[in-house]
Amino acid sequence: MLNFDDKKFEEKTLAREEIFSGKIFHVVKDVVSLYDGQESFRELVFHNGGTAIAPVHNNKMILVGQYRKALEKIELEQIADAKTIMAIWYWEMQYLKKELENNA
């Protein structure tokens, strides 16, 4: 399990440049310091809302931990990645297949 106190995912903002500011979204470019001391940059889009898939297994919602630079912390969130969704779907189908075979 991921240790959510793990500091290697944190990125300190050294500078921020506004790229675009509109009614629907806002774009900035941050210069960041990585855990190993190197500098990099992040292009961030701030917006109001989004969509995601909420996979449920045995009445439990499956969430992932992601470091989000815009929030500057790890957040538990719904899955918004098609590859991950397909992997979960495949795993669920394999699980159901075994359940059906065991109950036959």
N, C-alpha and C. Protein backbone atom coordinates (compact mmCIF):
# COMPACT_ATOMS: atom_id res chain seq x y z
N MET A 1 0.84 -1.19 0.00
CA MET A 1 0.00 0.00 0.00
C MET A 1 0.88 1.25 0.00
N LEU A 2 0.45 2.26 -0.68
CA LEU A 2 1.20 3.51 -0.78
C LEU A 2 1.19 4.24 0.55
N ASN A 3 2.34 4.72 0.96
CA ASN A 3 2.45 5.54 2.16
C ASN A 3 2.17 6.99 1.75
N PHE A 4 1.03 7.52 2.18
CA PHE A 4 0.64 8.85 1.74
C PHE A 4 1.43 9.96 2.41
N ASP A 5 2.32 9.61 3.34
CA ASP A 5 3.20 10.61 3.94
C ASP A 5 4.55 10.65 3.22
N ASP A 6 4.68 9.90 2.15
CA ASP A 6 5.94 9.80 1.44
C ASP A 6 6.29 11.15 0.79
N LYS A 7 7.38 11.76 1.24
CA LYS A 7 7.76 13.10 0.78
C LYS A 7 8.32 13.13 -0.63
N LYS A 8 8.69 11.95 -1.20
CA LYS A 8 9.31 11.98 -2.52
C LYS A 8 8.36 12.43 -3.62
N PHE A 9 7.06 12.46 -3.34
CA PHE A 9 6.10 12.91 -4.33
C PHE A 9 5.87 14.42 -4.27
N GLU A 10 6.31 15.05 -3.21
CA GLU A 10 6.08 16.49 -3.07
C GLU A 10 6.98 17.28 -4.01
N GLU A 11 6.44 18.37 -4.52
CA GLU A 11 7.18 19.26 -5.39
C GLU A 11 6.99 20.69 -4.90
N LYS A 12 8.09 21.34 -4.55
CA LYS A 12 8.01 22.71 -4.06
C LYS A 12 7.97 23.67 -5.25
N THR A 13 7.02 24.59 -5.22
CA THR A 13 6.89 25.59 -6.28
C THR A 13 7.94 26.68 -6.06
N LEU A 14 8.78 26.90 -7.08
CA LEU A 14 9.81 27.93 -7.02
C LEU A 14 9.37 29.21 -7.73
N ALA A 15 8.57 29.04 -8.78
CA ALA A 15 8.08 30.21 -9.54
C ALA A 15 6.81 29.81 -10.28
N ARG A 16 5.95 30.78 -10.55
CA ARG A 16 4.71 30.53 -11.29
C ARG A 16 4.52 31.62 -12.33
N GLU A 17 4.19 31.20 -13.56
CA GLU A 17 3.91 32.13 -14.65
C GLU A 17 2.48 31.88 -15.14
N GLU A 18 1.68 32.93 -15.21
CA GLU A 18 0.32 32.78 -15.73
C GLU A 18 0.39 32.73 -17.26
N ILE A 19 -0.20 31.68 -17.82
CA ILE A 19 -0.22 31.49 -19.27
C ILE A 19 -1.52 31.99 -19.87
N PHE A 20 -2.63 31.66 -19.20
CA PHE A 20 -3.95 32.05 -19.69
C PHE A 20 -4.93 32.11 -18.53
N SER A 21 -5.83 33.08 -18.56
CA SER A 21 -6.89 33.17 -17.57
C SER A 21 -8.20 33.48 -18.28
N GLY A 22 -9.14 32.55 -18.19
CA GLY A 22 -10.42 32.72 -18.86
C GLY A 22 -11.57 32.45 -17.91
N LYS A 23 -12.78 32.45 -18.45
CA LYS A 23 -13.97 32.21 -17.63
C LYS A 23 -14.11 30.74 -17.22
N ILE A 24 -13.66 29.82 -18.08
CA ILE A 24 -13.86 28.40 -17.83
C ILE A 24 -12.64 27.76 -17.18
N PHE A 25 -11.45 28.14 -17.59
CA PHE A 25 -10.24 27.57 -17.00
C PHE A 25 -9.10 28.58 -16.95
N HIS A 26 -8.08 28.21 -16.20
CA HIS A 26 -6.93 29.07 -15.93
C HIS A 26 -5.68 28.20 -16.10
N VAL A 27 -4.66 28.67 -16.81
CA VAL A 27 -3.46 27.88 -17.07
C VAL A 27 -2.23 28.60 -16.52
N VAL A 28 -1.39 27.84 -15.79
CA VAL A 28 -0.14 28.39 -15.27
C VAL A 28 1.00 27.42 -15.57
N LYS A 29 2.22 27.94 -15.53
CA LYS A 29 3.42 27.10 -15.66
C LYS A 29 4.25 27.32 -14.40
N ASP A 30 4.47 26.24 -13.65
CA ASP A 30 5.26 26.31 -12.42
C ASP A 30 6.65 25.74 -12.64
N VAL A 31 7.64 26.37 -12.05
CA VAL A 31 8.97 25.79 -11.92
C VAL A 31 8.98 25.13 -10.55
N VAL A 32 9.35 23.83 -10.50
CA VAL A 32 9.29 23.08 -9.25
C VAL A 32 10.62 22.45 -8.91
N SER A 33 10.83 22.23 -7.62
CA SER A 33 11.99 21.51 -7.11
C SER A 33 11.54 20.09 -6.78
N LEU A 34 12.21 19.09 -7.35
CA LEU A 34 11.87 17.69 -7.13
C LEU A 34 12.57 17.15 -5.88
N TYR A 35 12.15 15.98 -5.42
CA TYR A 35 12.70 15.40 -4.19
C TYR A 35 14.21 15.15 -4.26
N ASP A 36 14.74 14.98 -5.49
CA ASP A 36 16.17 14.72 -5.63
C ASP A 36 16.98 15.99 -5.86
N GLY A 37 16.32 17.17 -5.74
CA GLY A 37 17.01 18.44 -5.88
C GLY A 37 17.00 19.03 -7.28
N GLN A 38 16.59 18.25 -8.27
CA GLN A 38 16.52 18.77 -9.63
C GLN A 38 15.32 19.69 -9.79
N GLU A 39 15.38 20.55 -10.80
CA GLU A 39 14.26 21.42 -11.11
C GLU A 39 13.56 20.91 -12.37
N SER A 40 12.28 21.11 -12.41
CA SER A 40 11.47 20.74 -13.57
C SER A 40 10.35 21.76 -13.69
N PHE A 41 9.41 21.53 -14.60
CA PHE A 41 8.27 22.43 -14.71
C PHE A 41 6.98 21.63 -14.84
N ARG A 42 5.90 22.25 -14.48
CA ARG A 42 4.57 21.67 -14.58
C ARG A 42 3.64 22.70 -15.20
N GLU A 43 2.87 22.27 -16.18
CA GLU A 43 1.83 23.11 -16.76
C GLU A 43 0.52 22.66 -16.14
N LEU A 44 -0.15 23.55 -15.44
CA LEU A 44 -1.35 23.21 -14.68
C LEU A 44 -2.57 23.90 -15.25
N VAL A 45 -3.67 23.17 -15.30
CA VAL A 45 -4.95 23.71 -15.74
C VAL A 45 -5.90 23.64 -14.55
N PHE A 46 -6.40 24.78 -14.13
CA PHE A 46 -7.40 24.85 -13.06
C PHE A 46 -8.76 25.06 -13.72
N HIS A 47 -9.72 24.23 -13.35
CA HIS A 47 -11.05 24.32 -13.94
C HIS A 47 -12.11 23.96 -12.91
N ASN A 48 -13.35 24.18 -13.29
CA ASN A 48 -14.47 23.90 -12.40
C ASN A 48 -15.18 22.62 -12.83
N GLY A 49 -14.70 21.48 -12.33
CA GLY A 49 -15.41 20.22 -12.59
C GLY A 49 -14.66 19.28 -13.50
N GLY A 50 -15.23 18.09 -13.65
CA GLY A 50 -14.64 17.05 -14.48
C GLY A 50 -15.49 15.79 -14.41
N THR A 51 -15.00 14.72 -15.02
CA THR A 51 -15.72 13.45 -14.99
C THR A 51 -14.77 12.33 -14.59
N ALA A 52 -15.35 11.23 -14.12
CA ALA A 52 -14.55 10.06 -13.74
C ALA A 52 -15.45 8.83 -13.71
N ILE A 53 -14.83 7.68 -13.65
CA ILE A 53 -15.52 6.41 -13.50
C ILE A 53 -15.40 6.00 -12.04
N ALA A 54 -16.46 5.45 -11.47
CA ALA A 54 -16.45 5.03 -10.07
C ALA A 54 -16.65 3.51 -9.99
N PRO A 55 -15.57 2.72 -10.20
CA PRO A 55 -15.73 1.27 -10.12
C PRO A 55 -16.01 0.82 -8.69
N VAL A 56 -16.94 -0.12 -8.56
CA VAL A 56 -17.34 -0.64 -7.24
C VAL A 56 -17.17 -2.15 -7.26
N HIS A 57 -16.55 -2.69 -6.21
CA HIS A 57 -16.37 -4.14 -6.07
C HIS A 57 -16.76 -4.51 -4.64
N ASN A 58 -17.66 -5.47 -4.49
CA ASN A 58 -18.13 -5.89 -3.17
C ASN A 58 -18.59 -4.70 -2.33
N ASN A 59 -19.34 -3.80 -2.95
CA ASN A 59 -19.87 -2.60 -2.30
C ASN A 59 -18.78 -1.64 -1.80
N LYS A 60 -17.60 -1.71 -2.38
CA LYS A 60 -16.52 -0.79 -2.03
C LYS A 60 -16.05 -0.08 -3.29
N MET A 61 -15.96 1.25 -3.21
CA MET A 61 -15.49 2.02 -4.34
C MET A 61 -13.96 1.94 -4.42
N ILE A 62 -13.46 1.74 -5.63
CA ILE A 62 -12.01 1.66 -5.84
C ILE A 62 -11.48 3.06 -6.14
N LEU A 63 -10.53 3.50 -5.34
CA LEU A 63 -9.91 4.82 -5.51
C LEU A 63 -8.41 4.65 -5.73
N VAL A 64 -7.77 5.66 -6.28
CA VAL A 64 -6.33 5.67 -6.45
C VAL A 64 -5.75 6.90 -5.76
N GLY A 65 -4.52 6.77 -5.28
CA GLY A 65 -3.82 7.90 -4.69
C GLY A 65 -2.95 8.54 -5.75
N GLN A 66 -3.13 9.83 -5.98
CA GLN A 66 -2.37 10.57 -6.99
C GLN A 66 -1.82 11.85 -6.39
N TYR A 67 -0.54 12.13 -6.65
CA TYR A 67 0.00 13.44 -6.26
C TYR A 67 -0.51 14.45 -7.27
N ARG A 68 -1.15 15.49 -6.78
CA ARG A 68 -1.68 16.54 -7.63
C ARG A 68 -0.94 17.84 -7.33
N LYS A 69 -0.16 18.28 -8.31
CA LYS A 69 0.65 19.49 -8.15
C LYS A 69 -0.22 20.69 -7.84
N ALA A 70 -1.36 20.79 -8.47
CA ALA A 70 -2.22 21.95 -8.24
C ALA A 70 -2.66 22.05 -6.78
N LEU A 71 -2.82 20.90 -6.12
CA LEU A 71 -3.19 20.88 -4.71
C LEU A 71 -1.98 20.75 -3.79
N GLU A 72 -0.86 20.35 -4.38
CA GLU A 72 0.40 20.11 -3.69
C GLU A 72 0.27 19.07 -2.58
N LYS A 73 -0.48 17.98 -2.89
CA LYS A 73 -0.59 16.86 -1.96
C LYS A 73 -1.16 15.65 -2.71
N ILE A 74 -1.07 14.49 -2.07
CA ILE A 74 -1.65 13.28 -2.62
C ILE A 74 -3.13 13.25 -2.26
N GLU A 75 -3.95 12.97 -3.24
CA GLU A 75 -5.40 12.92 -3.06
C GLU A 75 -5.90 11.53 -3.43
N LEU A 76 -6.85 11.01 -2.66
CA LEU A 76 -7.58 9.82 -3.07
C LEU A 76 -8.65 10.29 -4.04
N GLU A 77 -8.71 9.63 -5.21
CA GLU A 77 -9.66 10.09 -6.20
C GLU A 77 -10.20 8.95 -7.04
N GLN A 78 -11.27 9.24 -7.73
CA GLN A 78 -11.84 8.27 -8.65
C GLN A 78 -10.90 8.09 -9.83
N ILE A 79 -11.03 6.98 -10.50
CA ILE A 79 -10.16 6.67 -11.62
C ILE A 79 -10.64 7.39 -12.88
N ALA A 80 -9.73 8.08 -13.55
CA ALA A 80 -10.07 8.80 -14.78
C ALA A 80 -9.19 8.34 -15.93
N ASP A 81 -8.58 7.17 -15.80
CA ASP A 81 -7.63 6.64 -16.77
C ASP A 81 -8.23 5.40 -17.42
N ALA A 82 -8.38 5.41 -18.73
CA ALA A 82 -9.04 4.31 -19.43
C ALA A 82 -8.29 2.99 -19.26
N LYS A 83 -6.93 3.01 -19.25
CA LYS A 83 -6.17 1.76 -19.08
C LYS A 83 -6.44 1.14 -17.72
N THR A 84 -6.48 1.95 -16.69
CA THR A 84 -6.75 1.45 -15.35
C THR A 84 -8.16 0.90 -15.27
N ILE A 85 -9.11 1.59 -15.86
CA ILE A 85 -10.50 1.13 -15.86
C ILE A 85 -10.60 -0.22 -16.56
N MET A 86 -9.93 -0.37 -17.69
CA MET A 86 -9.98 -1.65 -18.41
C MET A 86 -9.30 -2.76 -17.61
N ALA A 87 -8.21 -2.45 -16.92
CA ALA A 87 -7.54 -3.45 -16.10
C ALA A 87 -8.45 -3.92 -14.96
N ILE A 88 -9.15 -2.99 -14.34
CA ILE A 88 -10.09 -3.35 -13.28
C ILE A 88 -11.23 -4.17 -13.86
N TRP A 89 -11.76 -3.79 -15.00
CA TRP A 89 -12.83 -4.54 -15.63
C TRP A 89 -12.38 -5.97 -15.93
N TYR A 90 -11.17 -6.12 -16.48
CA TYR A 90 -10.64 -7.46 -16.79
C TYR A 90 -10.50 -8.28 -15.51
N TRP A 91 -9.96 -7.69 -14.46
CA TRP A 91 -9.80 -8.38 -13.18
C TRP A 91 -11.16 -8.83 -12.64
N GLU A 92 -12.15 -7.95 -12.73
CA GLU A 92 -13.49 -8.27 -12.25
C GLU A 92 -14.10 -9.41 -13.05
N MET A 93 -13.90 -9.42 -14.37
CA MET A 93 -14.43 -10.50 -15.20
C MET A 93 -13.77 -11.84 -14.83
N GLN A 94 -12.45 -11.81 -14.56
CA GLN A 94 -11.76 -13.04 -14.15
C GLN A 94 -12.29 -13.52 -12.81
N TYR A 95 -12.53 -12.61 -11.89
CA TYR A 95 -13.06 -12.94 -10.57
C TYR A 95 -14.45 -13.56 -10.70
N LEU A 96 -15.33 -12.95 -11.51
CA LEU A 96 -16.68 -13.46 -11.70
C LEU A 96 -16.66 -14.84 -12.36
N LYS A 97 -15.75 -15.03 -13.31
CA LYS A 97 -15.62 -16.33 -13.99
C LYS A 97 -15.28 -17.41 -12.97
N LYS A 98 -14.32 -17.14 -12.08
CA LYS A 98 -13.95 -18.11 -11.05
C LYS A 98 -15.10 -18.37 -10.09
N GLU A 99 -15.83 -17.32 -9.73
CA GLU A 99 -16.99 -17.48 -8.83
C GLU A 99 -18.04 -18.39 -9.48
N LEU A 100 -18.31 -18.19 -10.76
CA LEU A 100 -19.29 -19.02 -11.46
C LEU A 100 -18.81 -20.47 -11.54
N GLU A 101 -17.53 -20.68 -11.82
CA GLU A 101 -16.98 -22.04 -11.89
C GLU A 101 -17.06 -22.73 -10.54
N ASN A 102 -16.77 -22.02 -9.46
CA ASN A 102 -16.81 -22.60 -8.12
C ASN A 102 -18.22 -22.92 -7.66
N ASN A 103 -19.21 -22.17 -8.16
CA ASN A 103 -20.60 -22.38 -7.74
C ASN A 103 -21.36 -23.31 -8.67
N ALA A 104 -20.71 -23.78 -9.75
CA ALA A 104 -21.39 -24.66 -10.72
C ALA A 104 -21.50 -26.09 -10.23
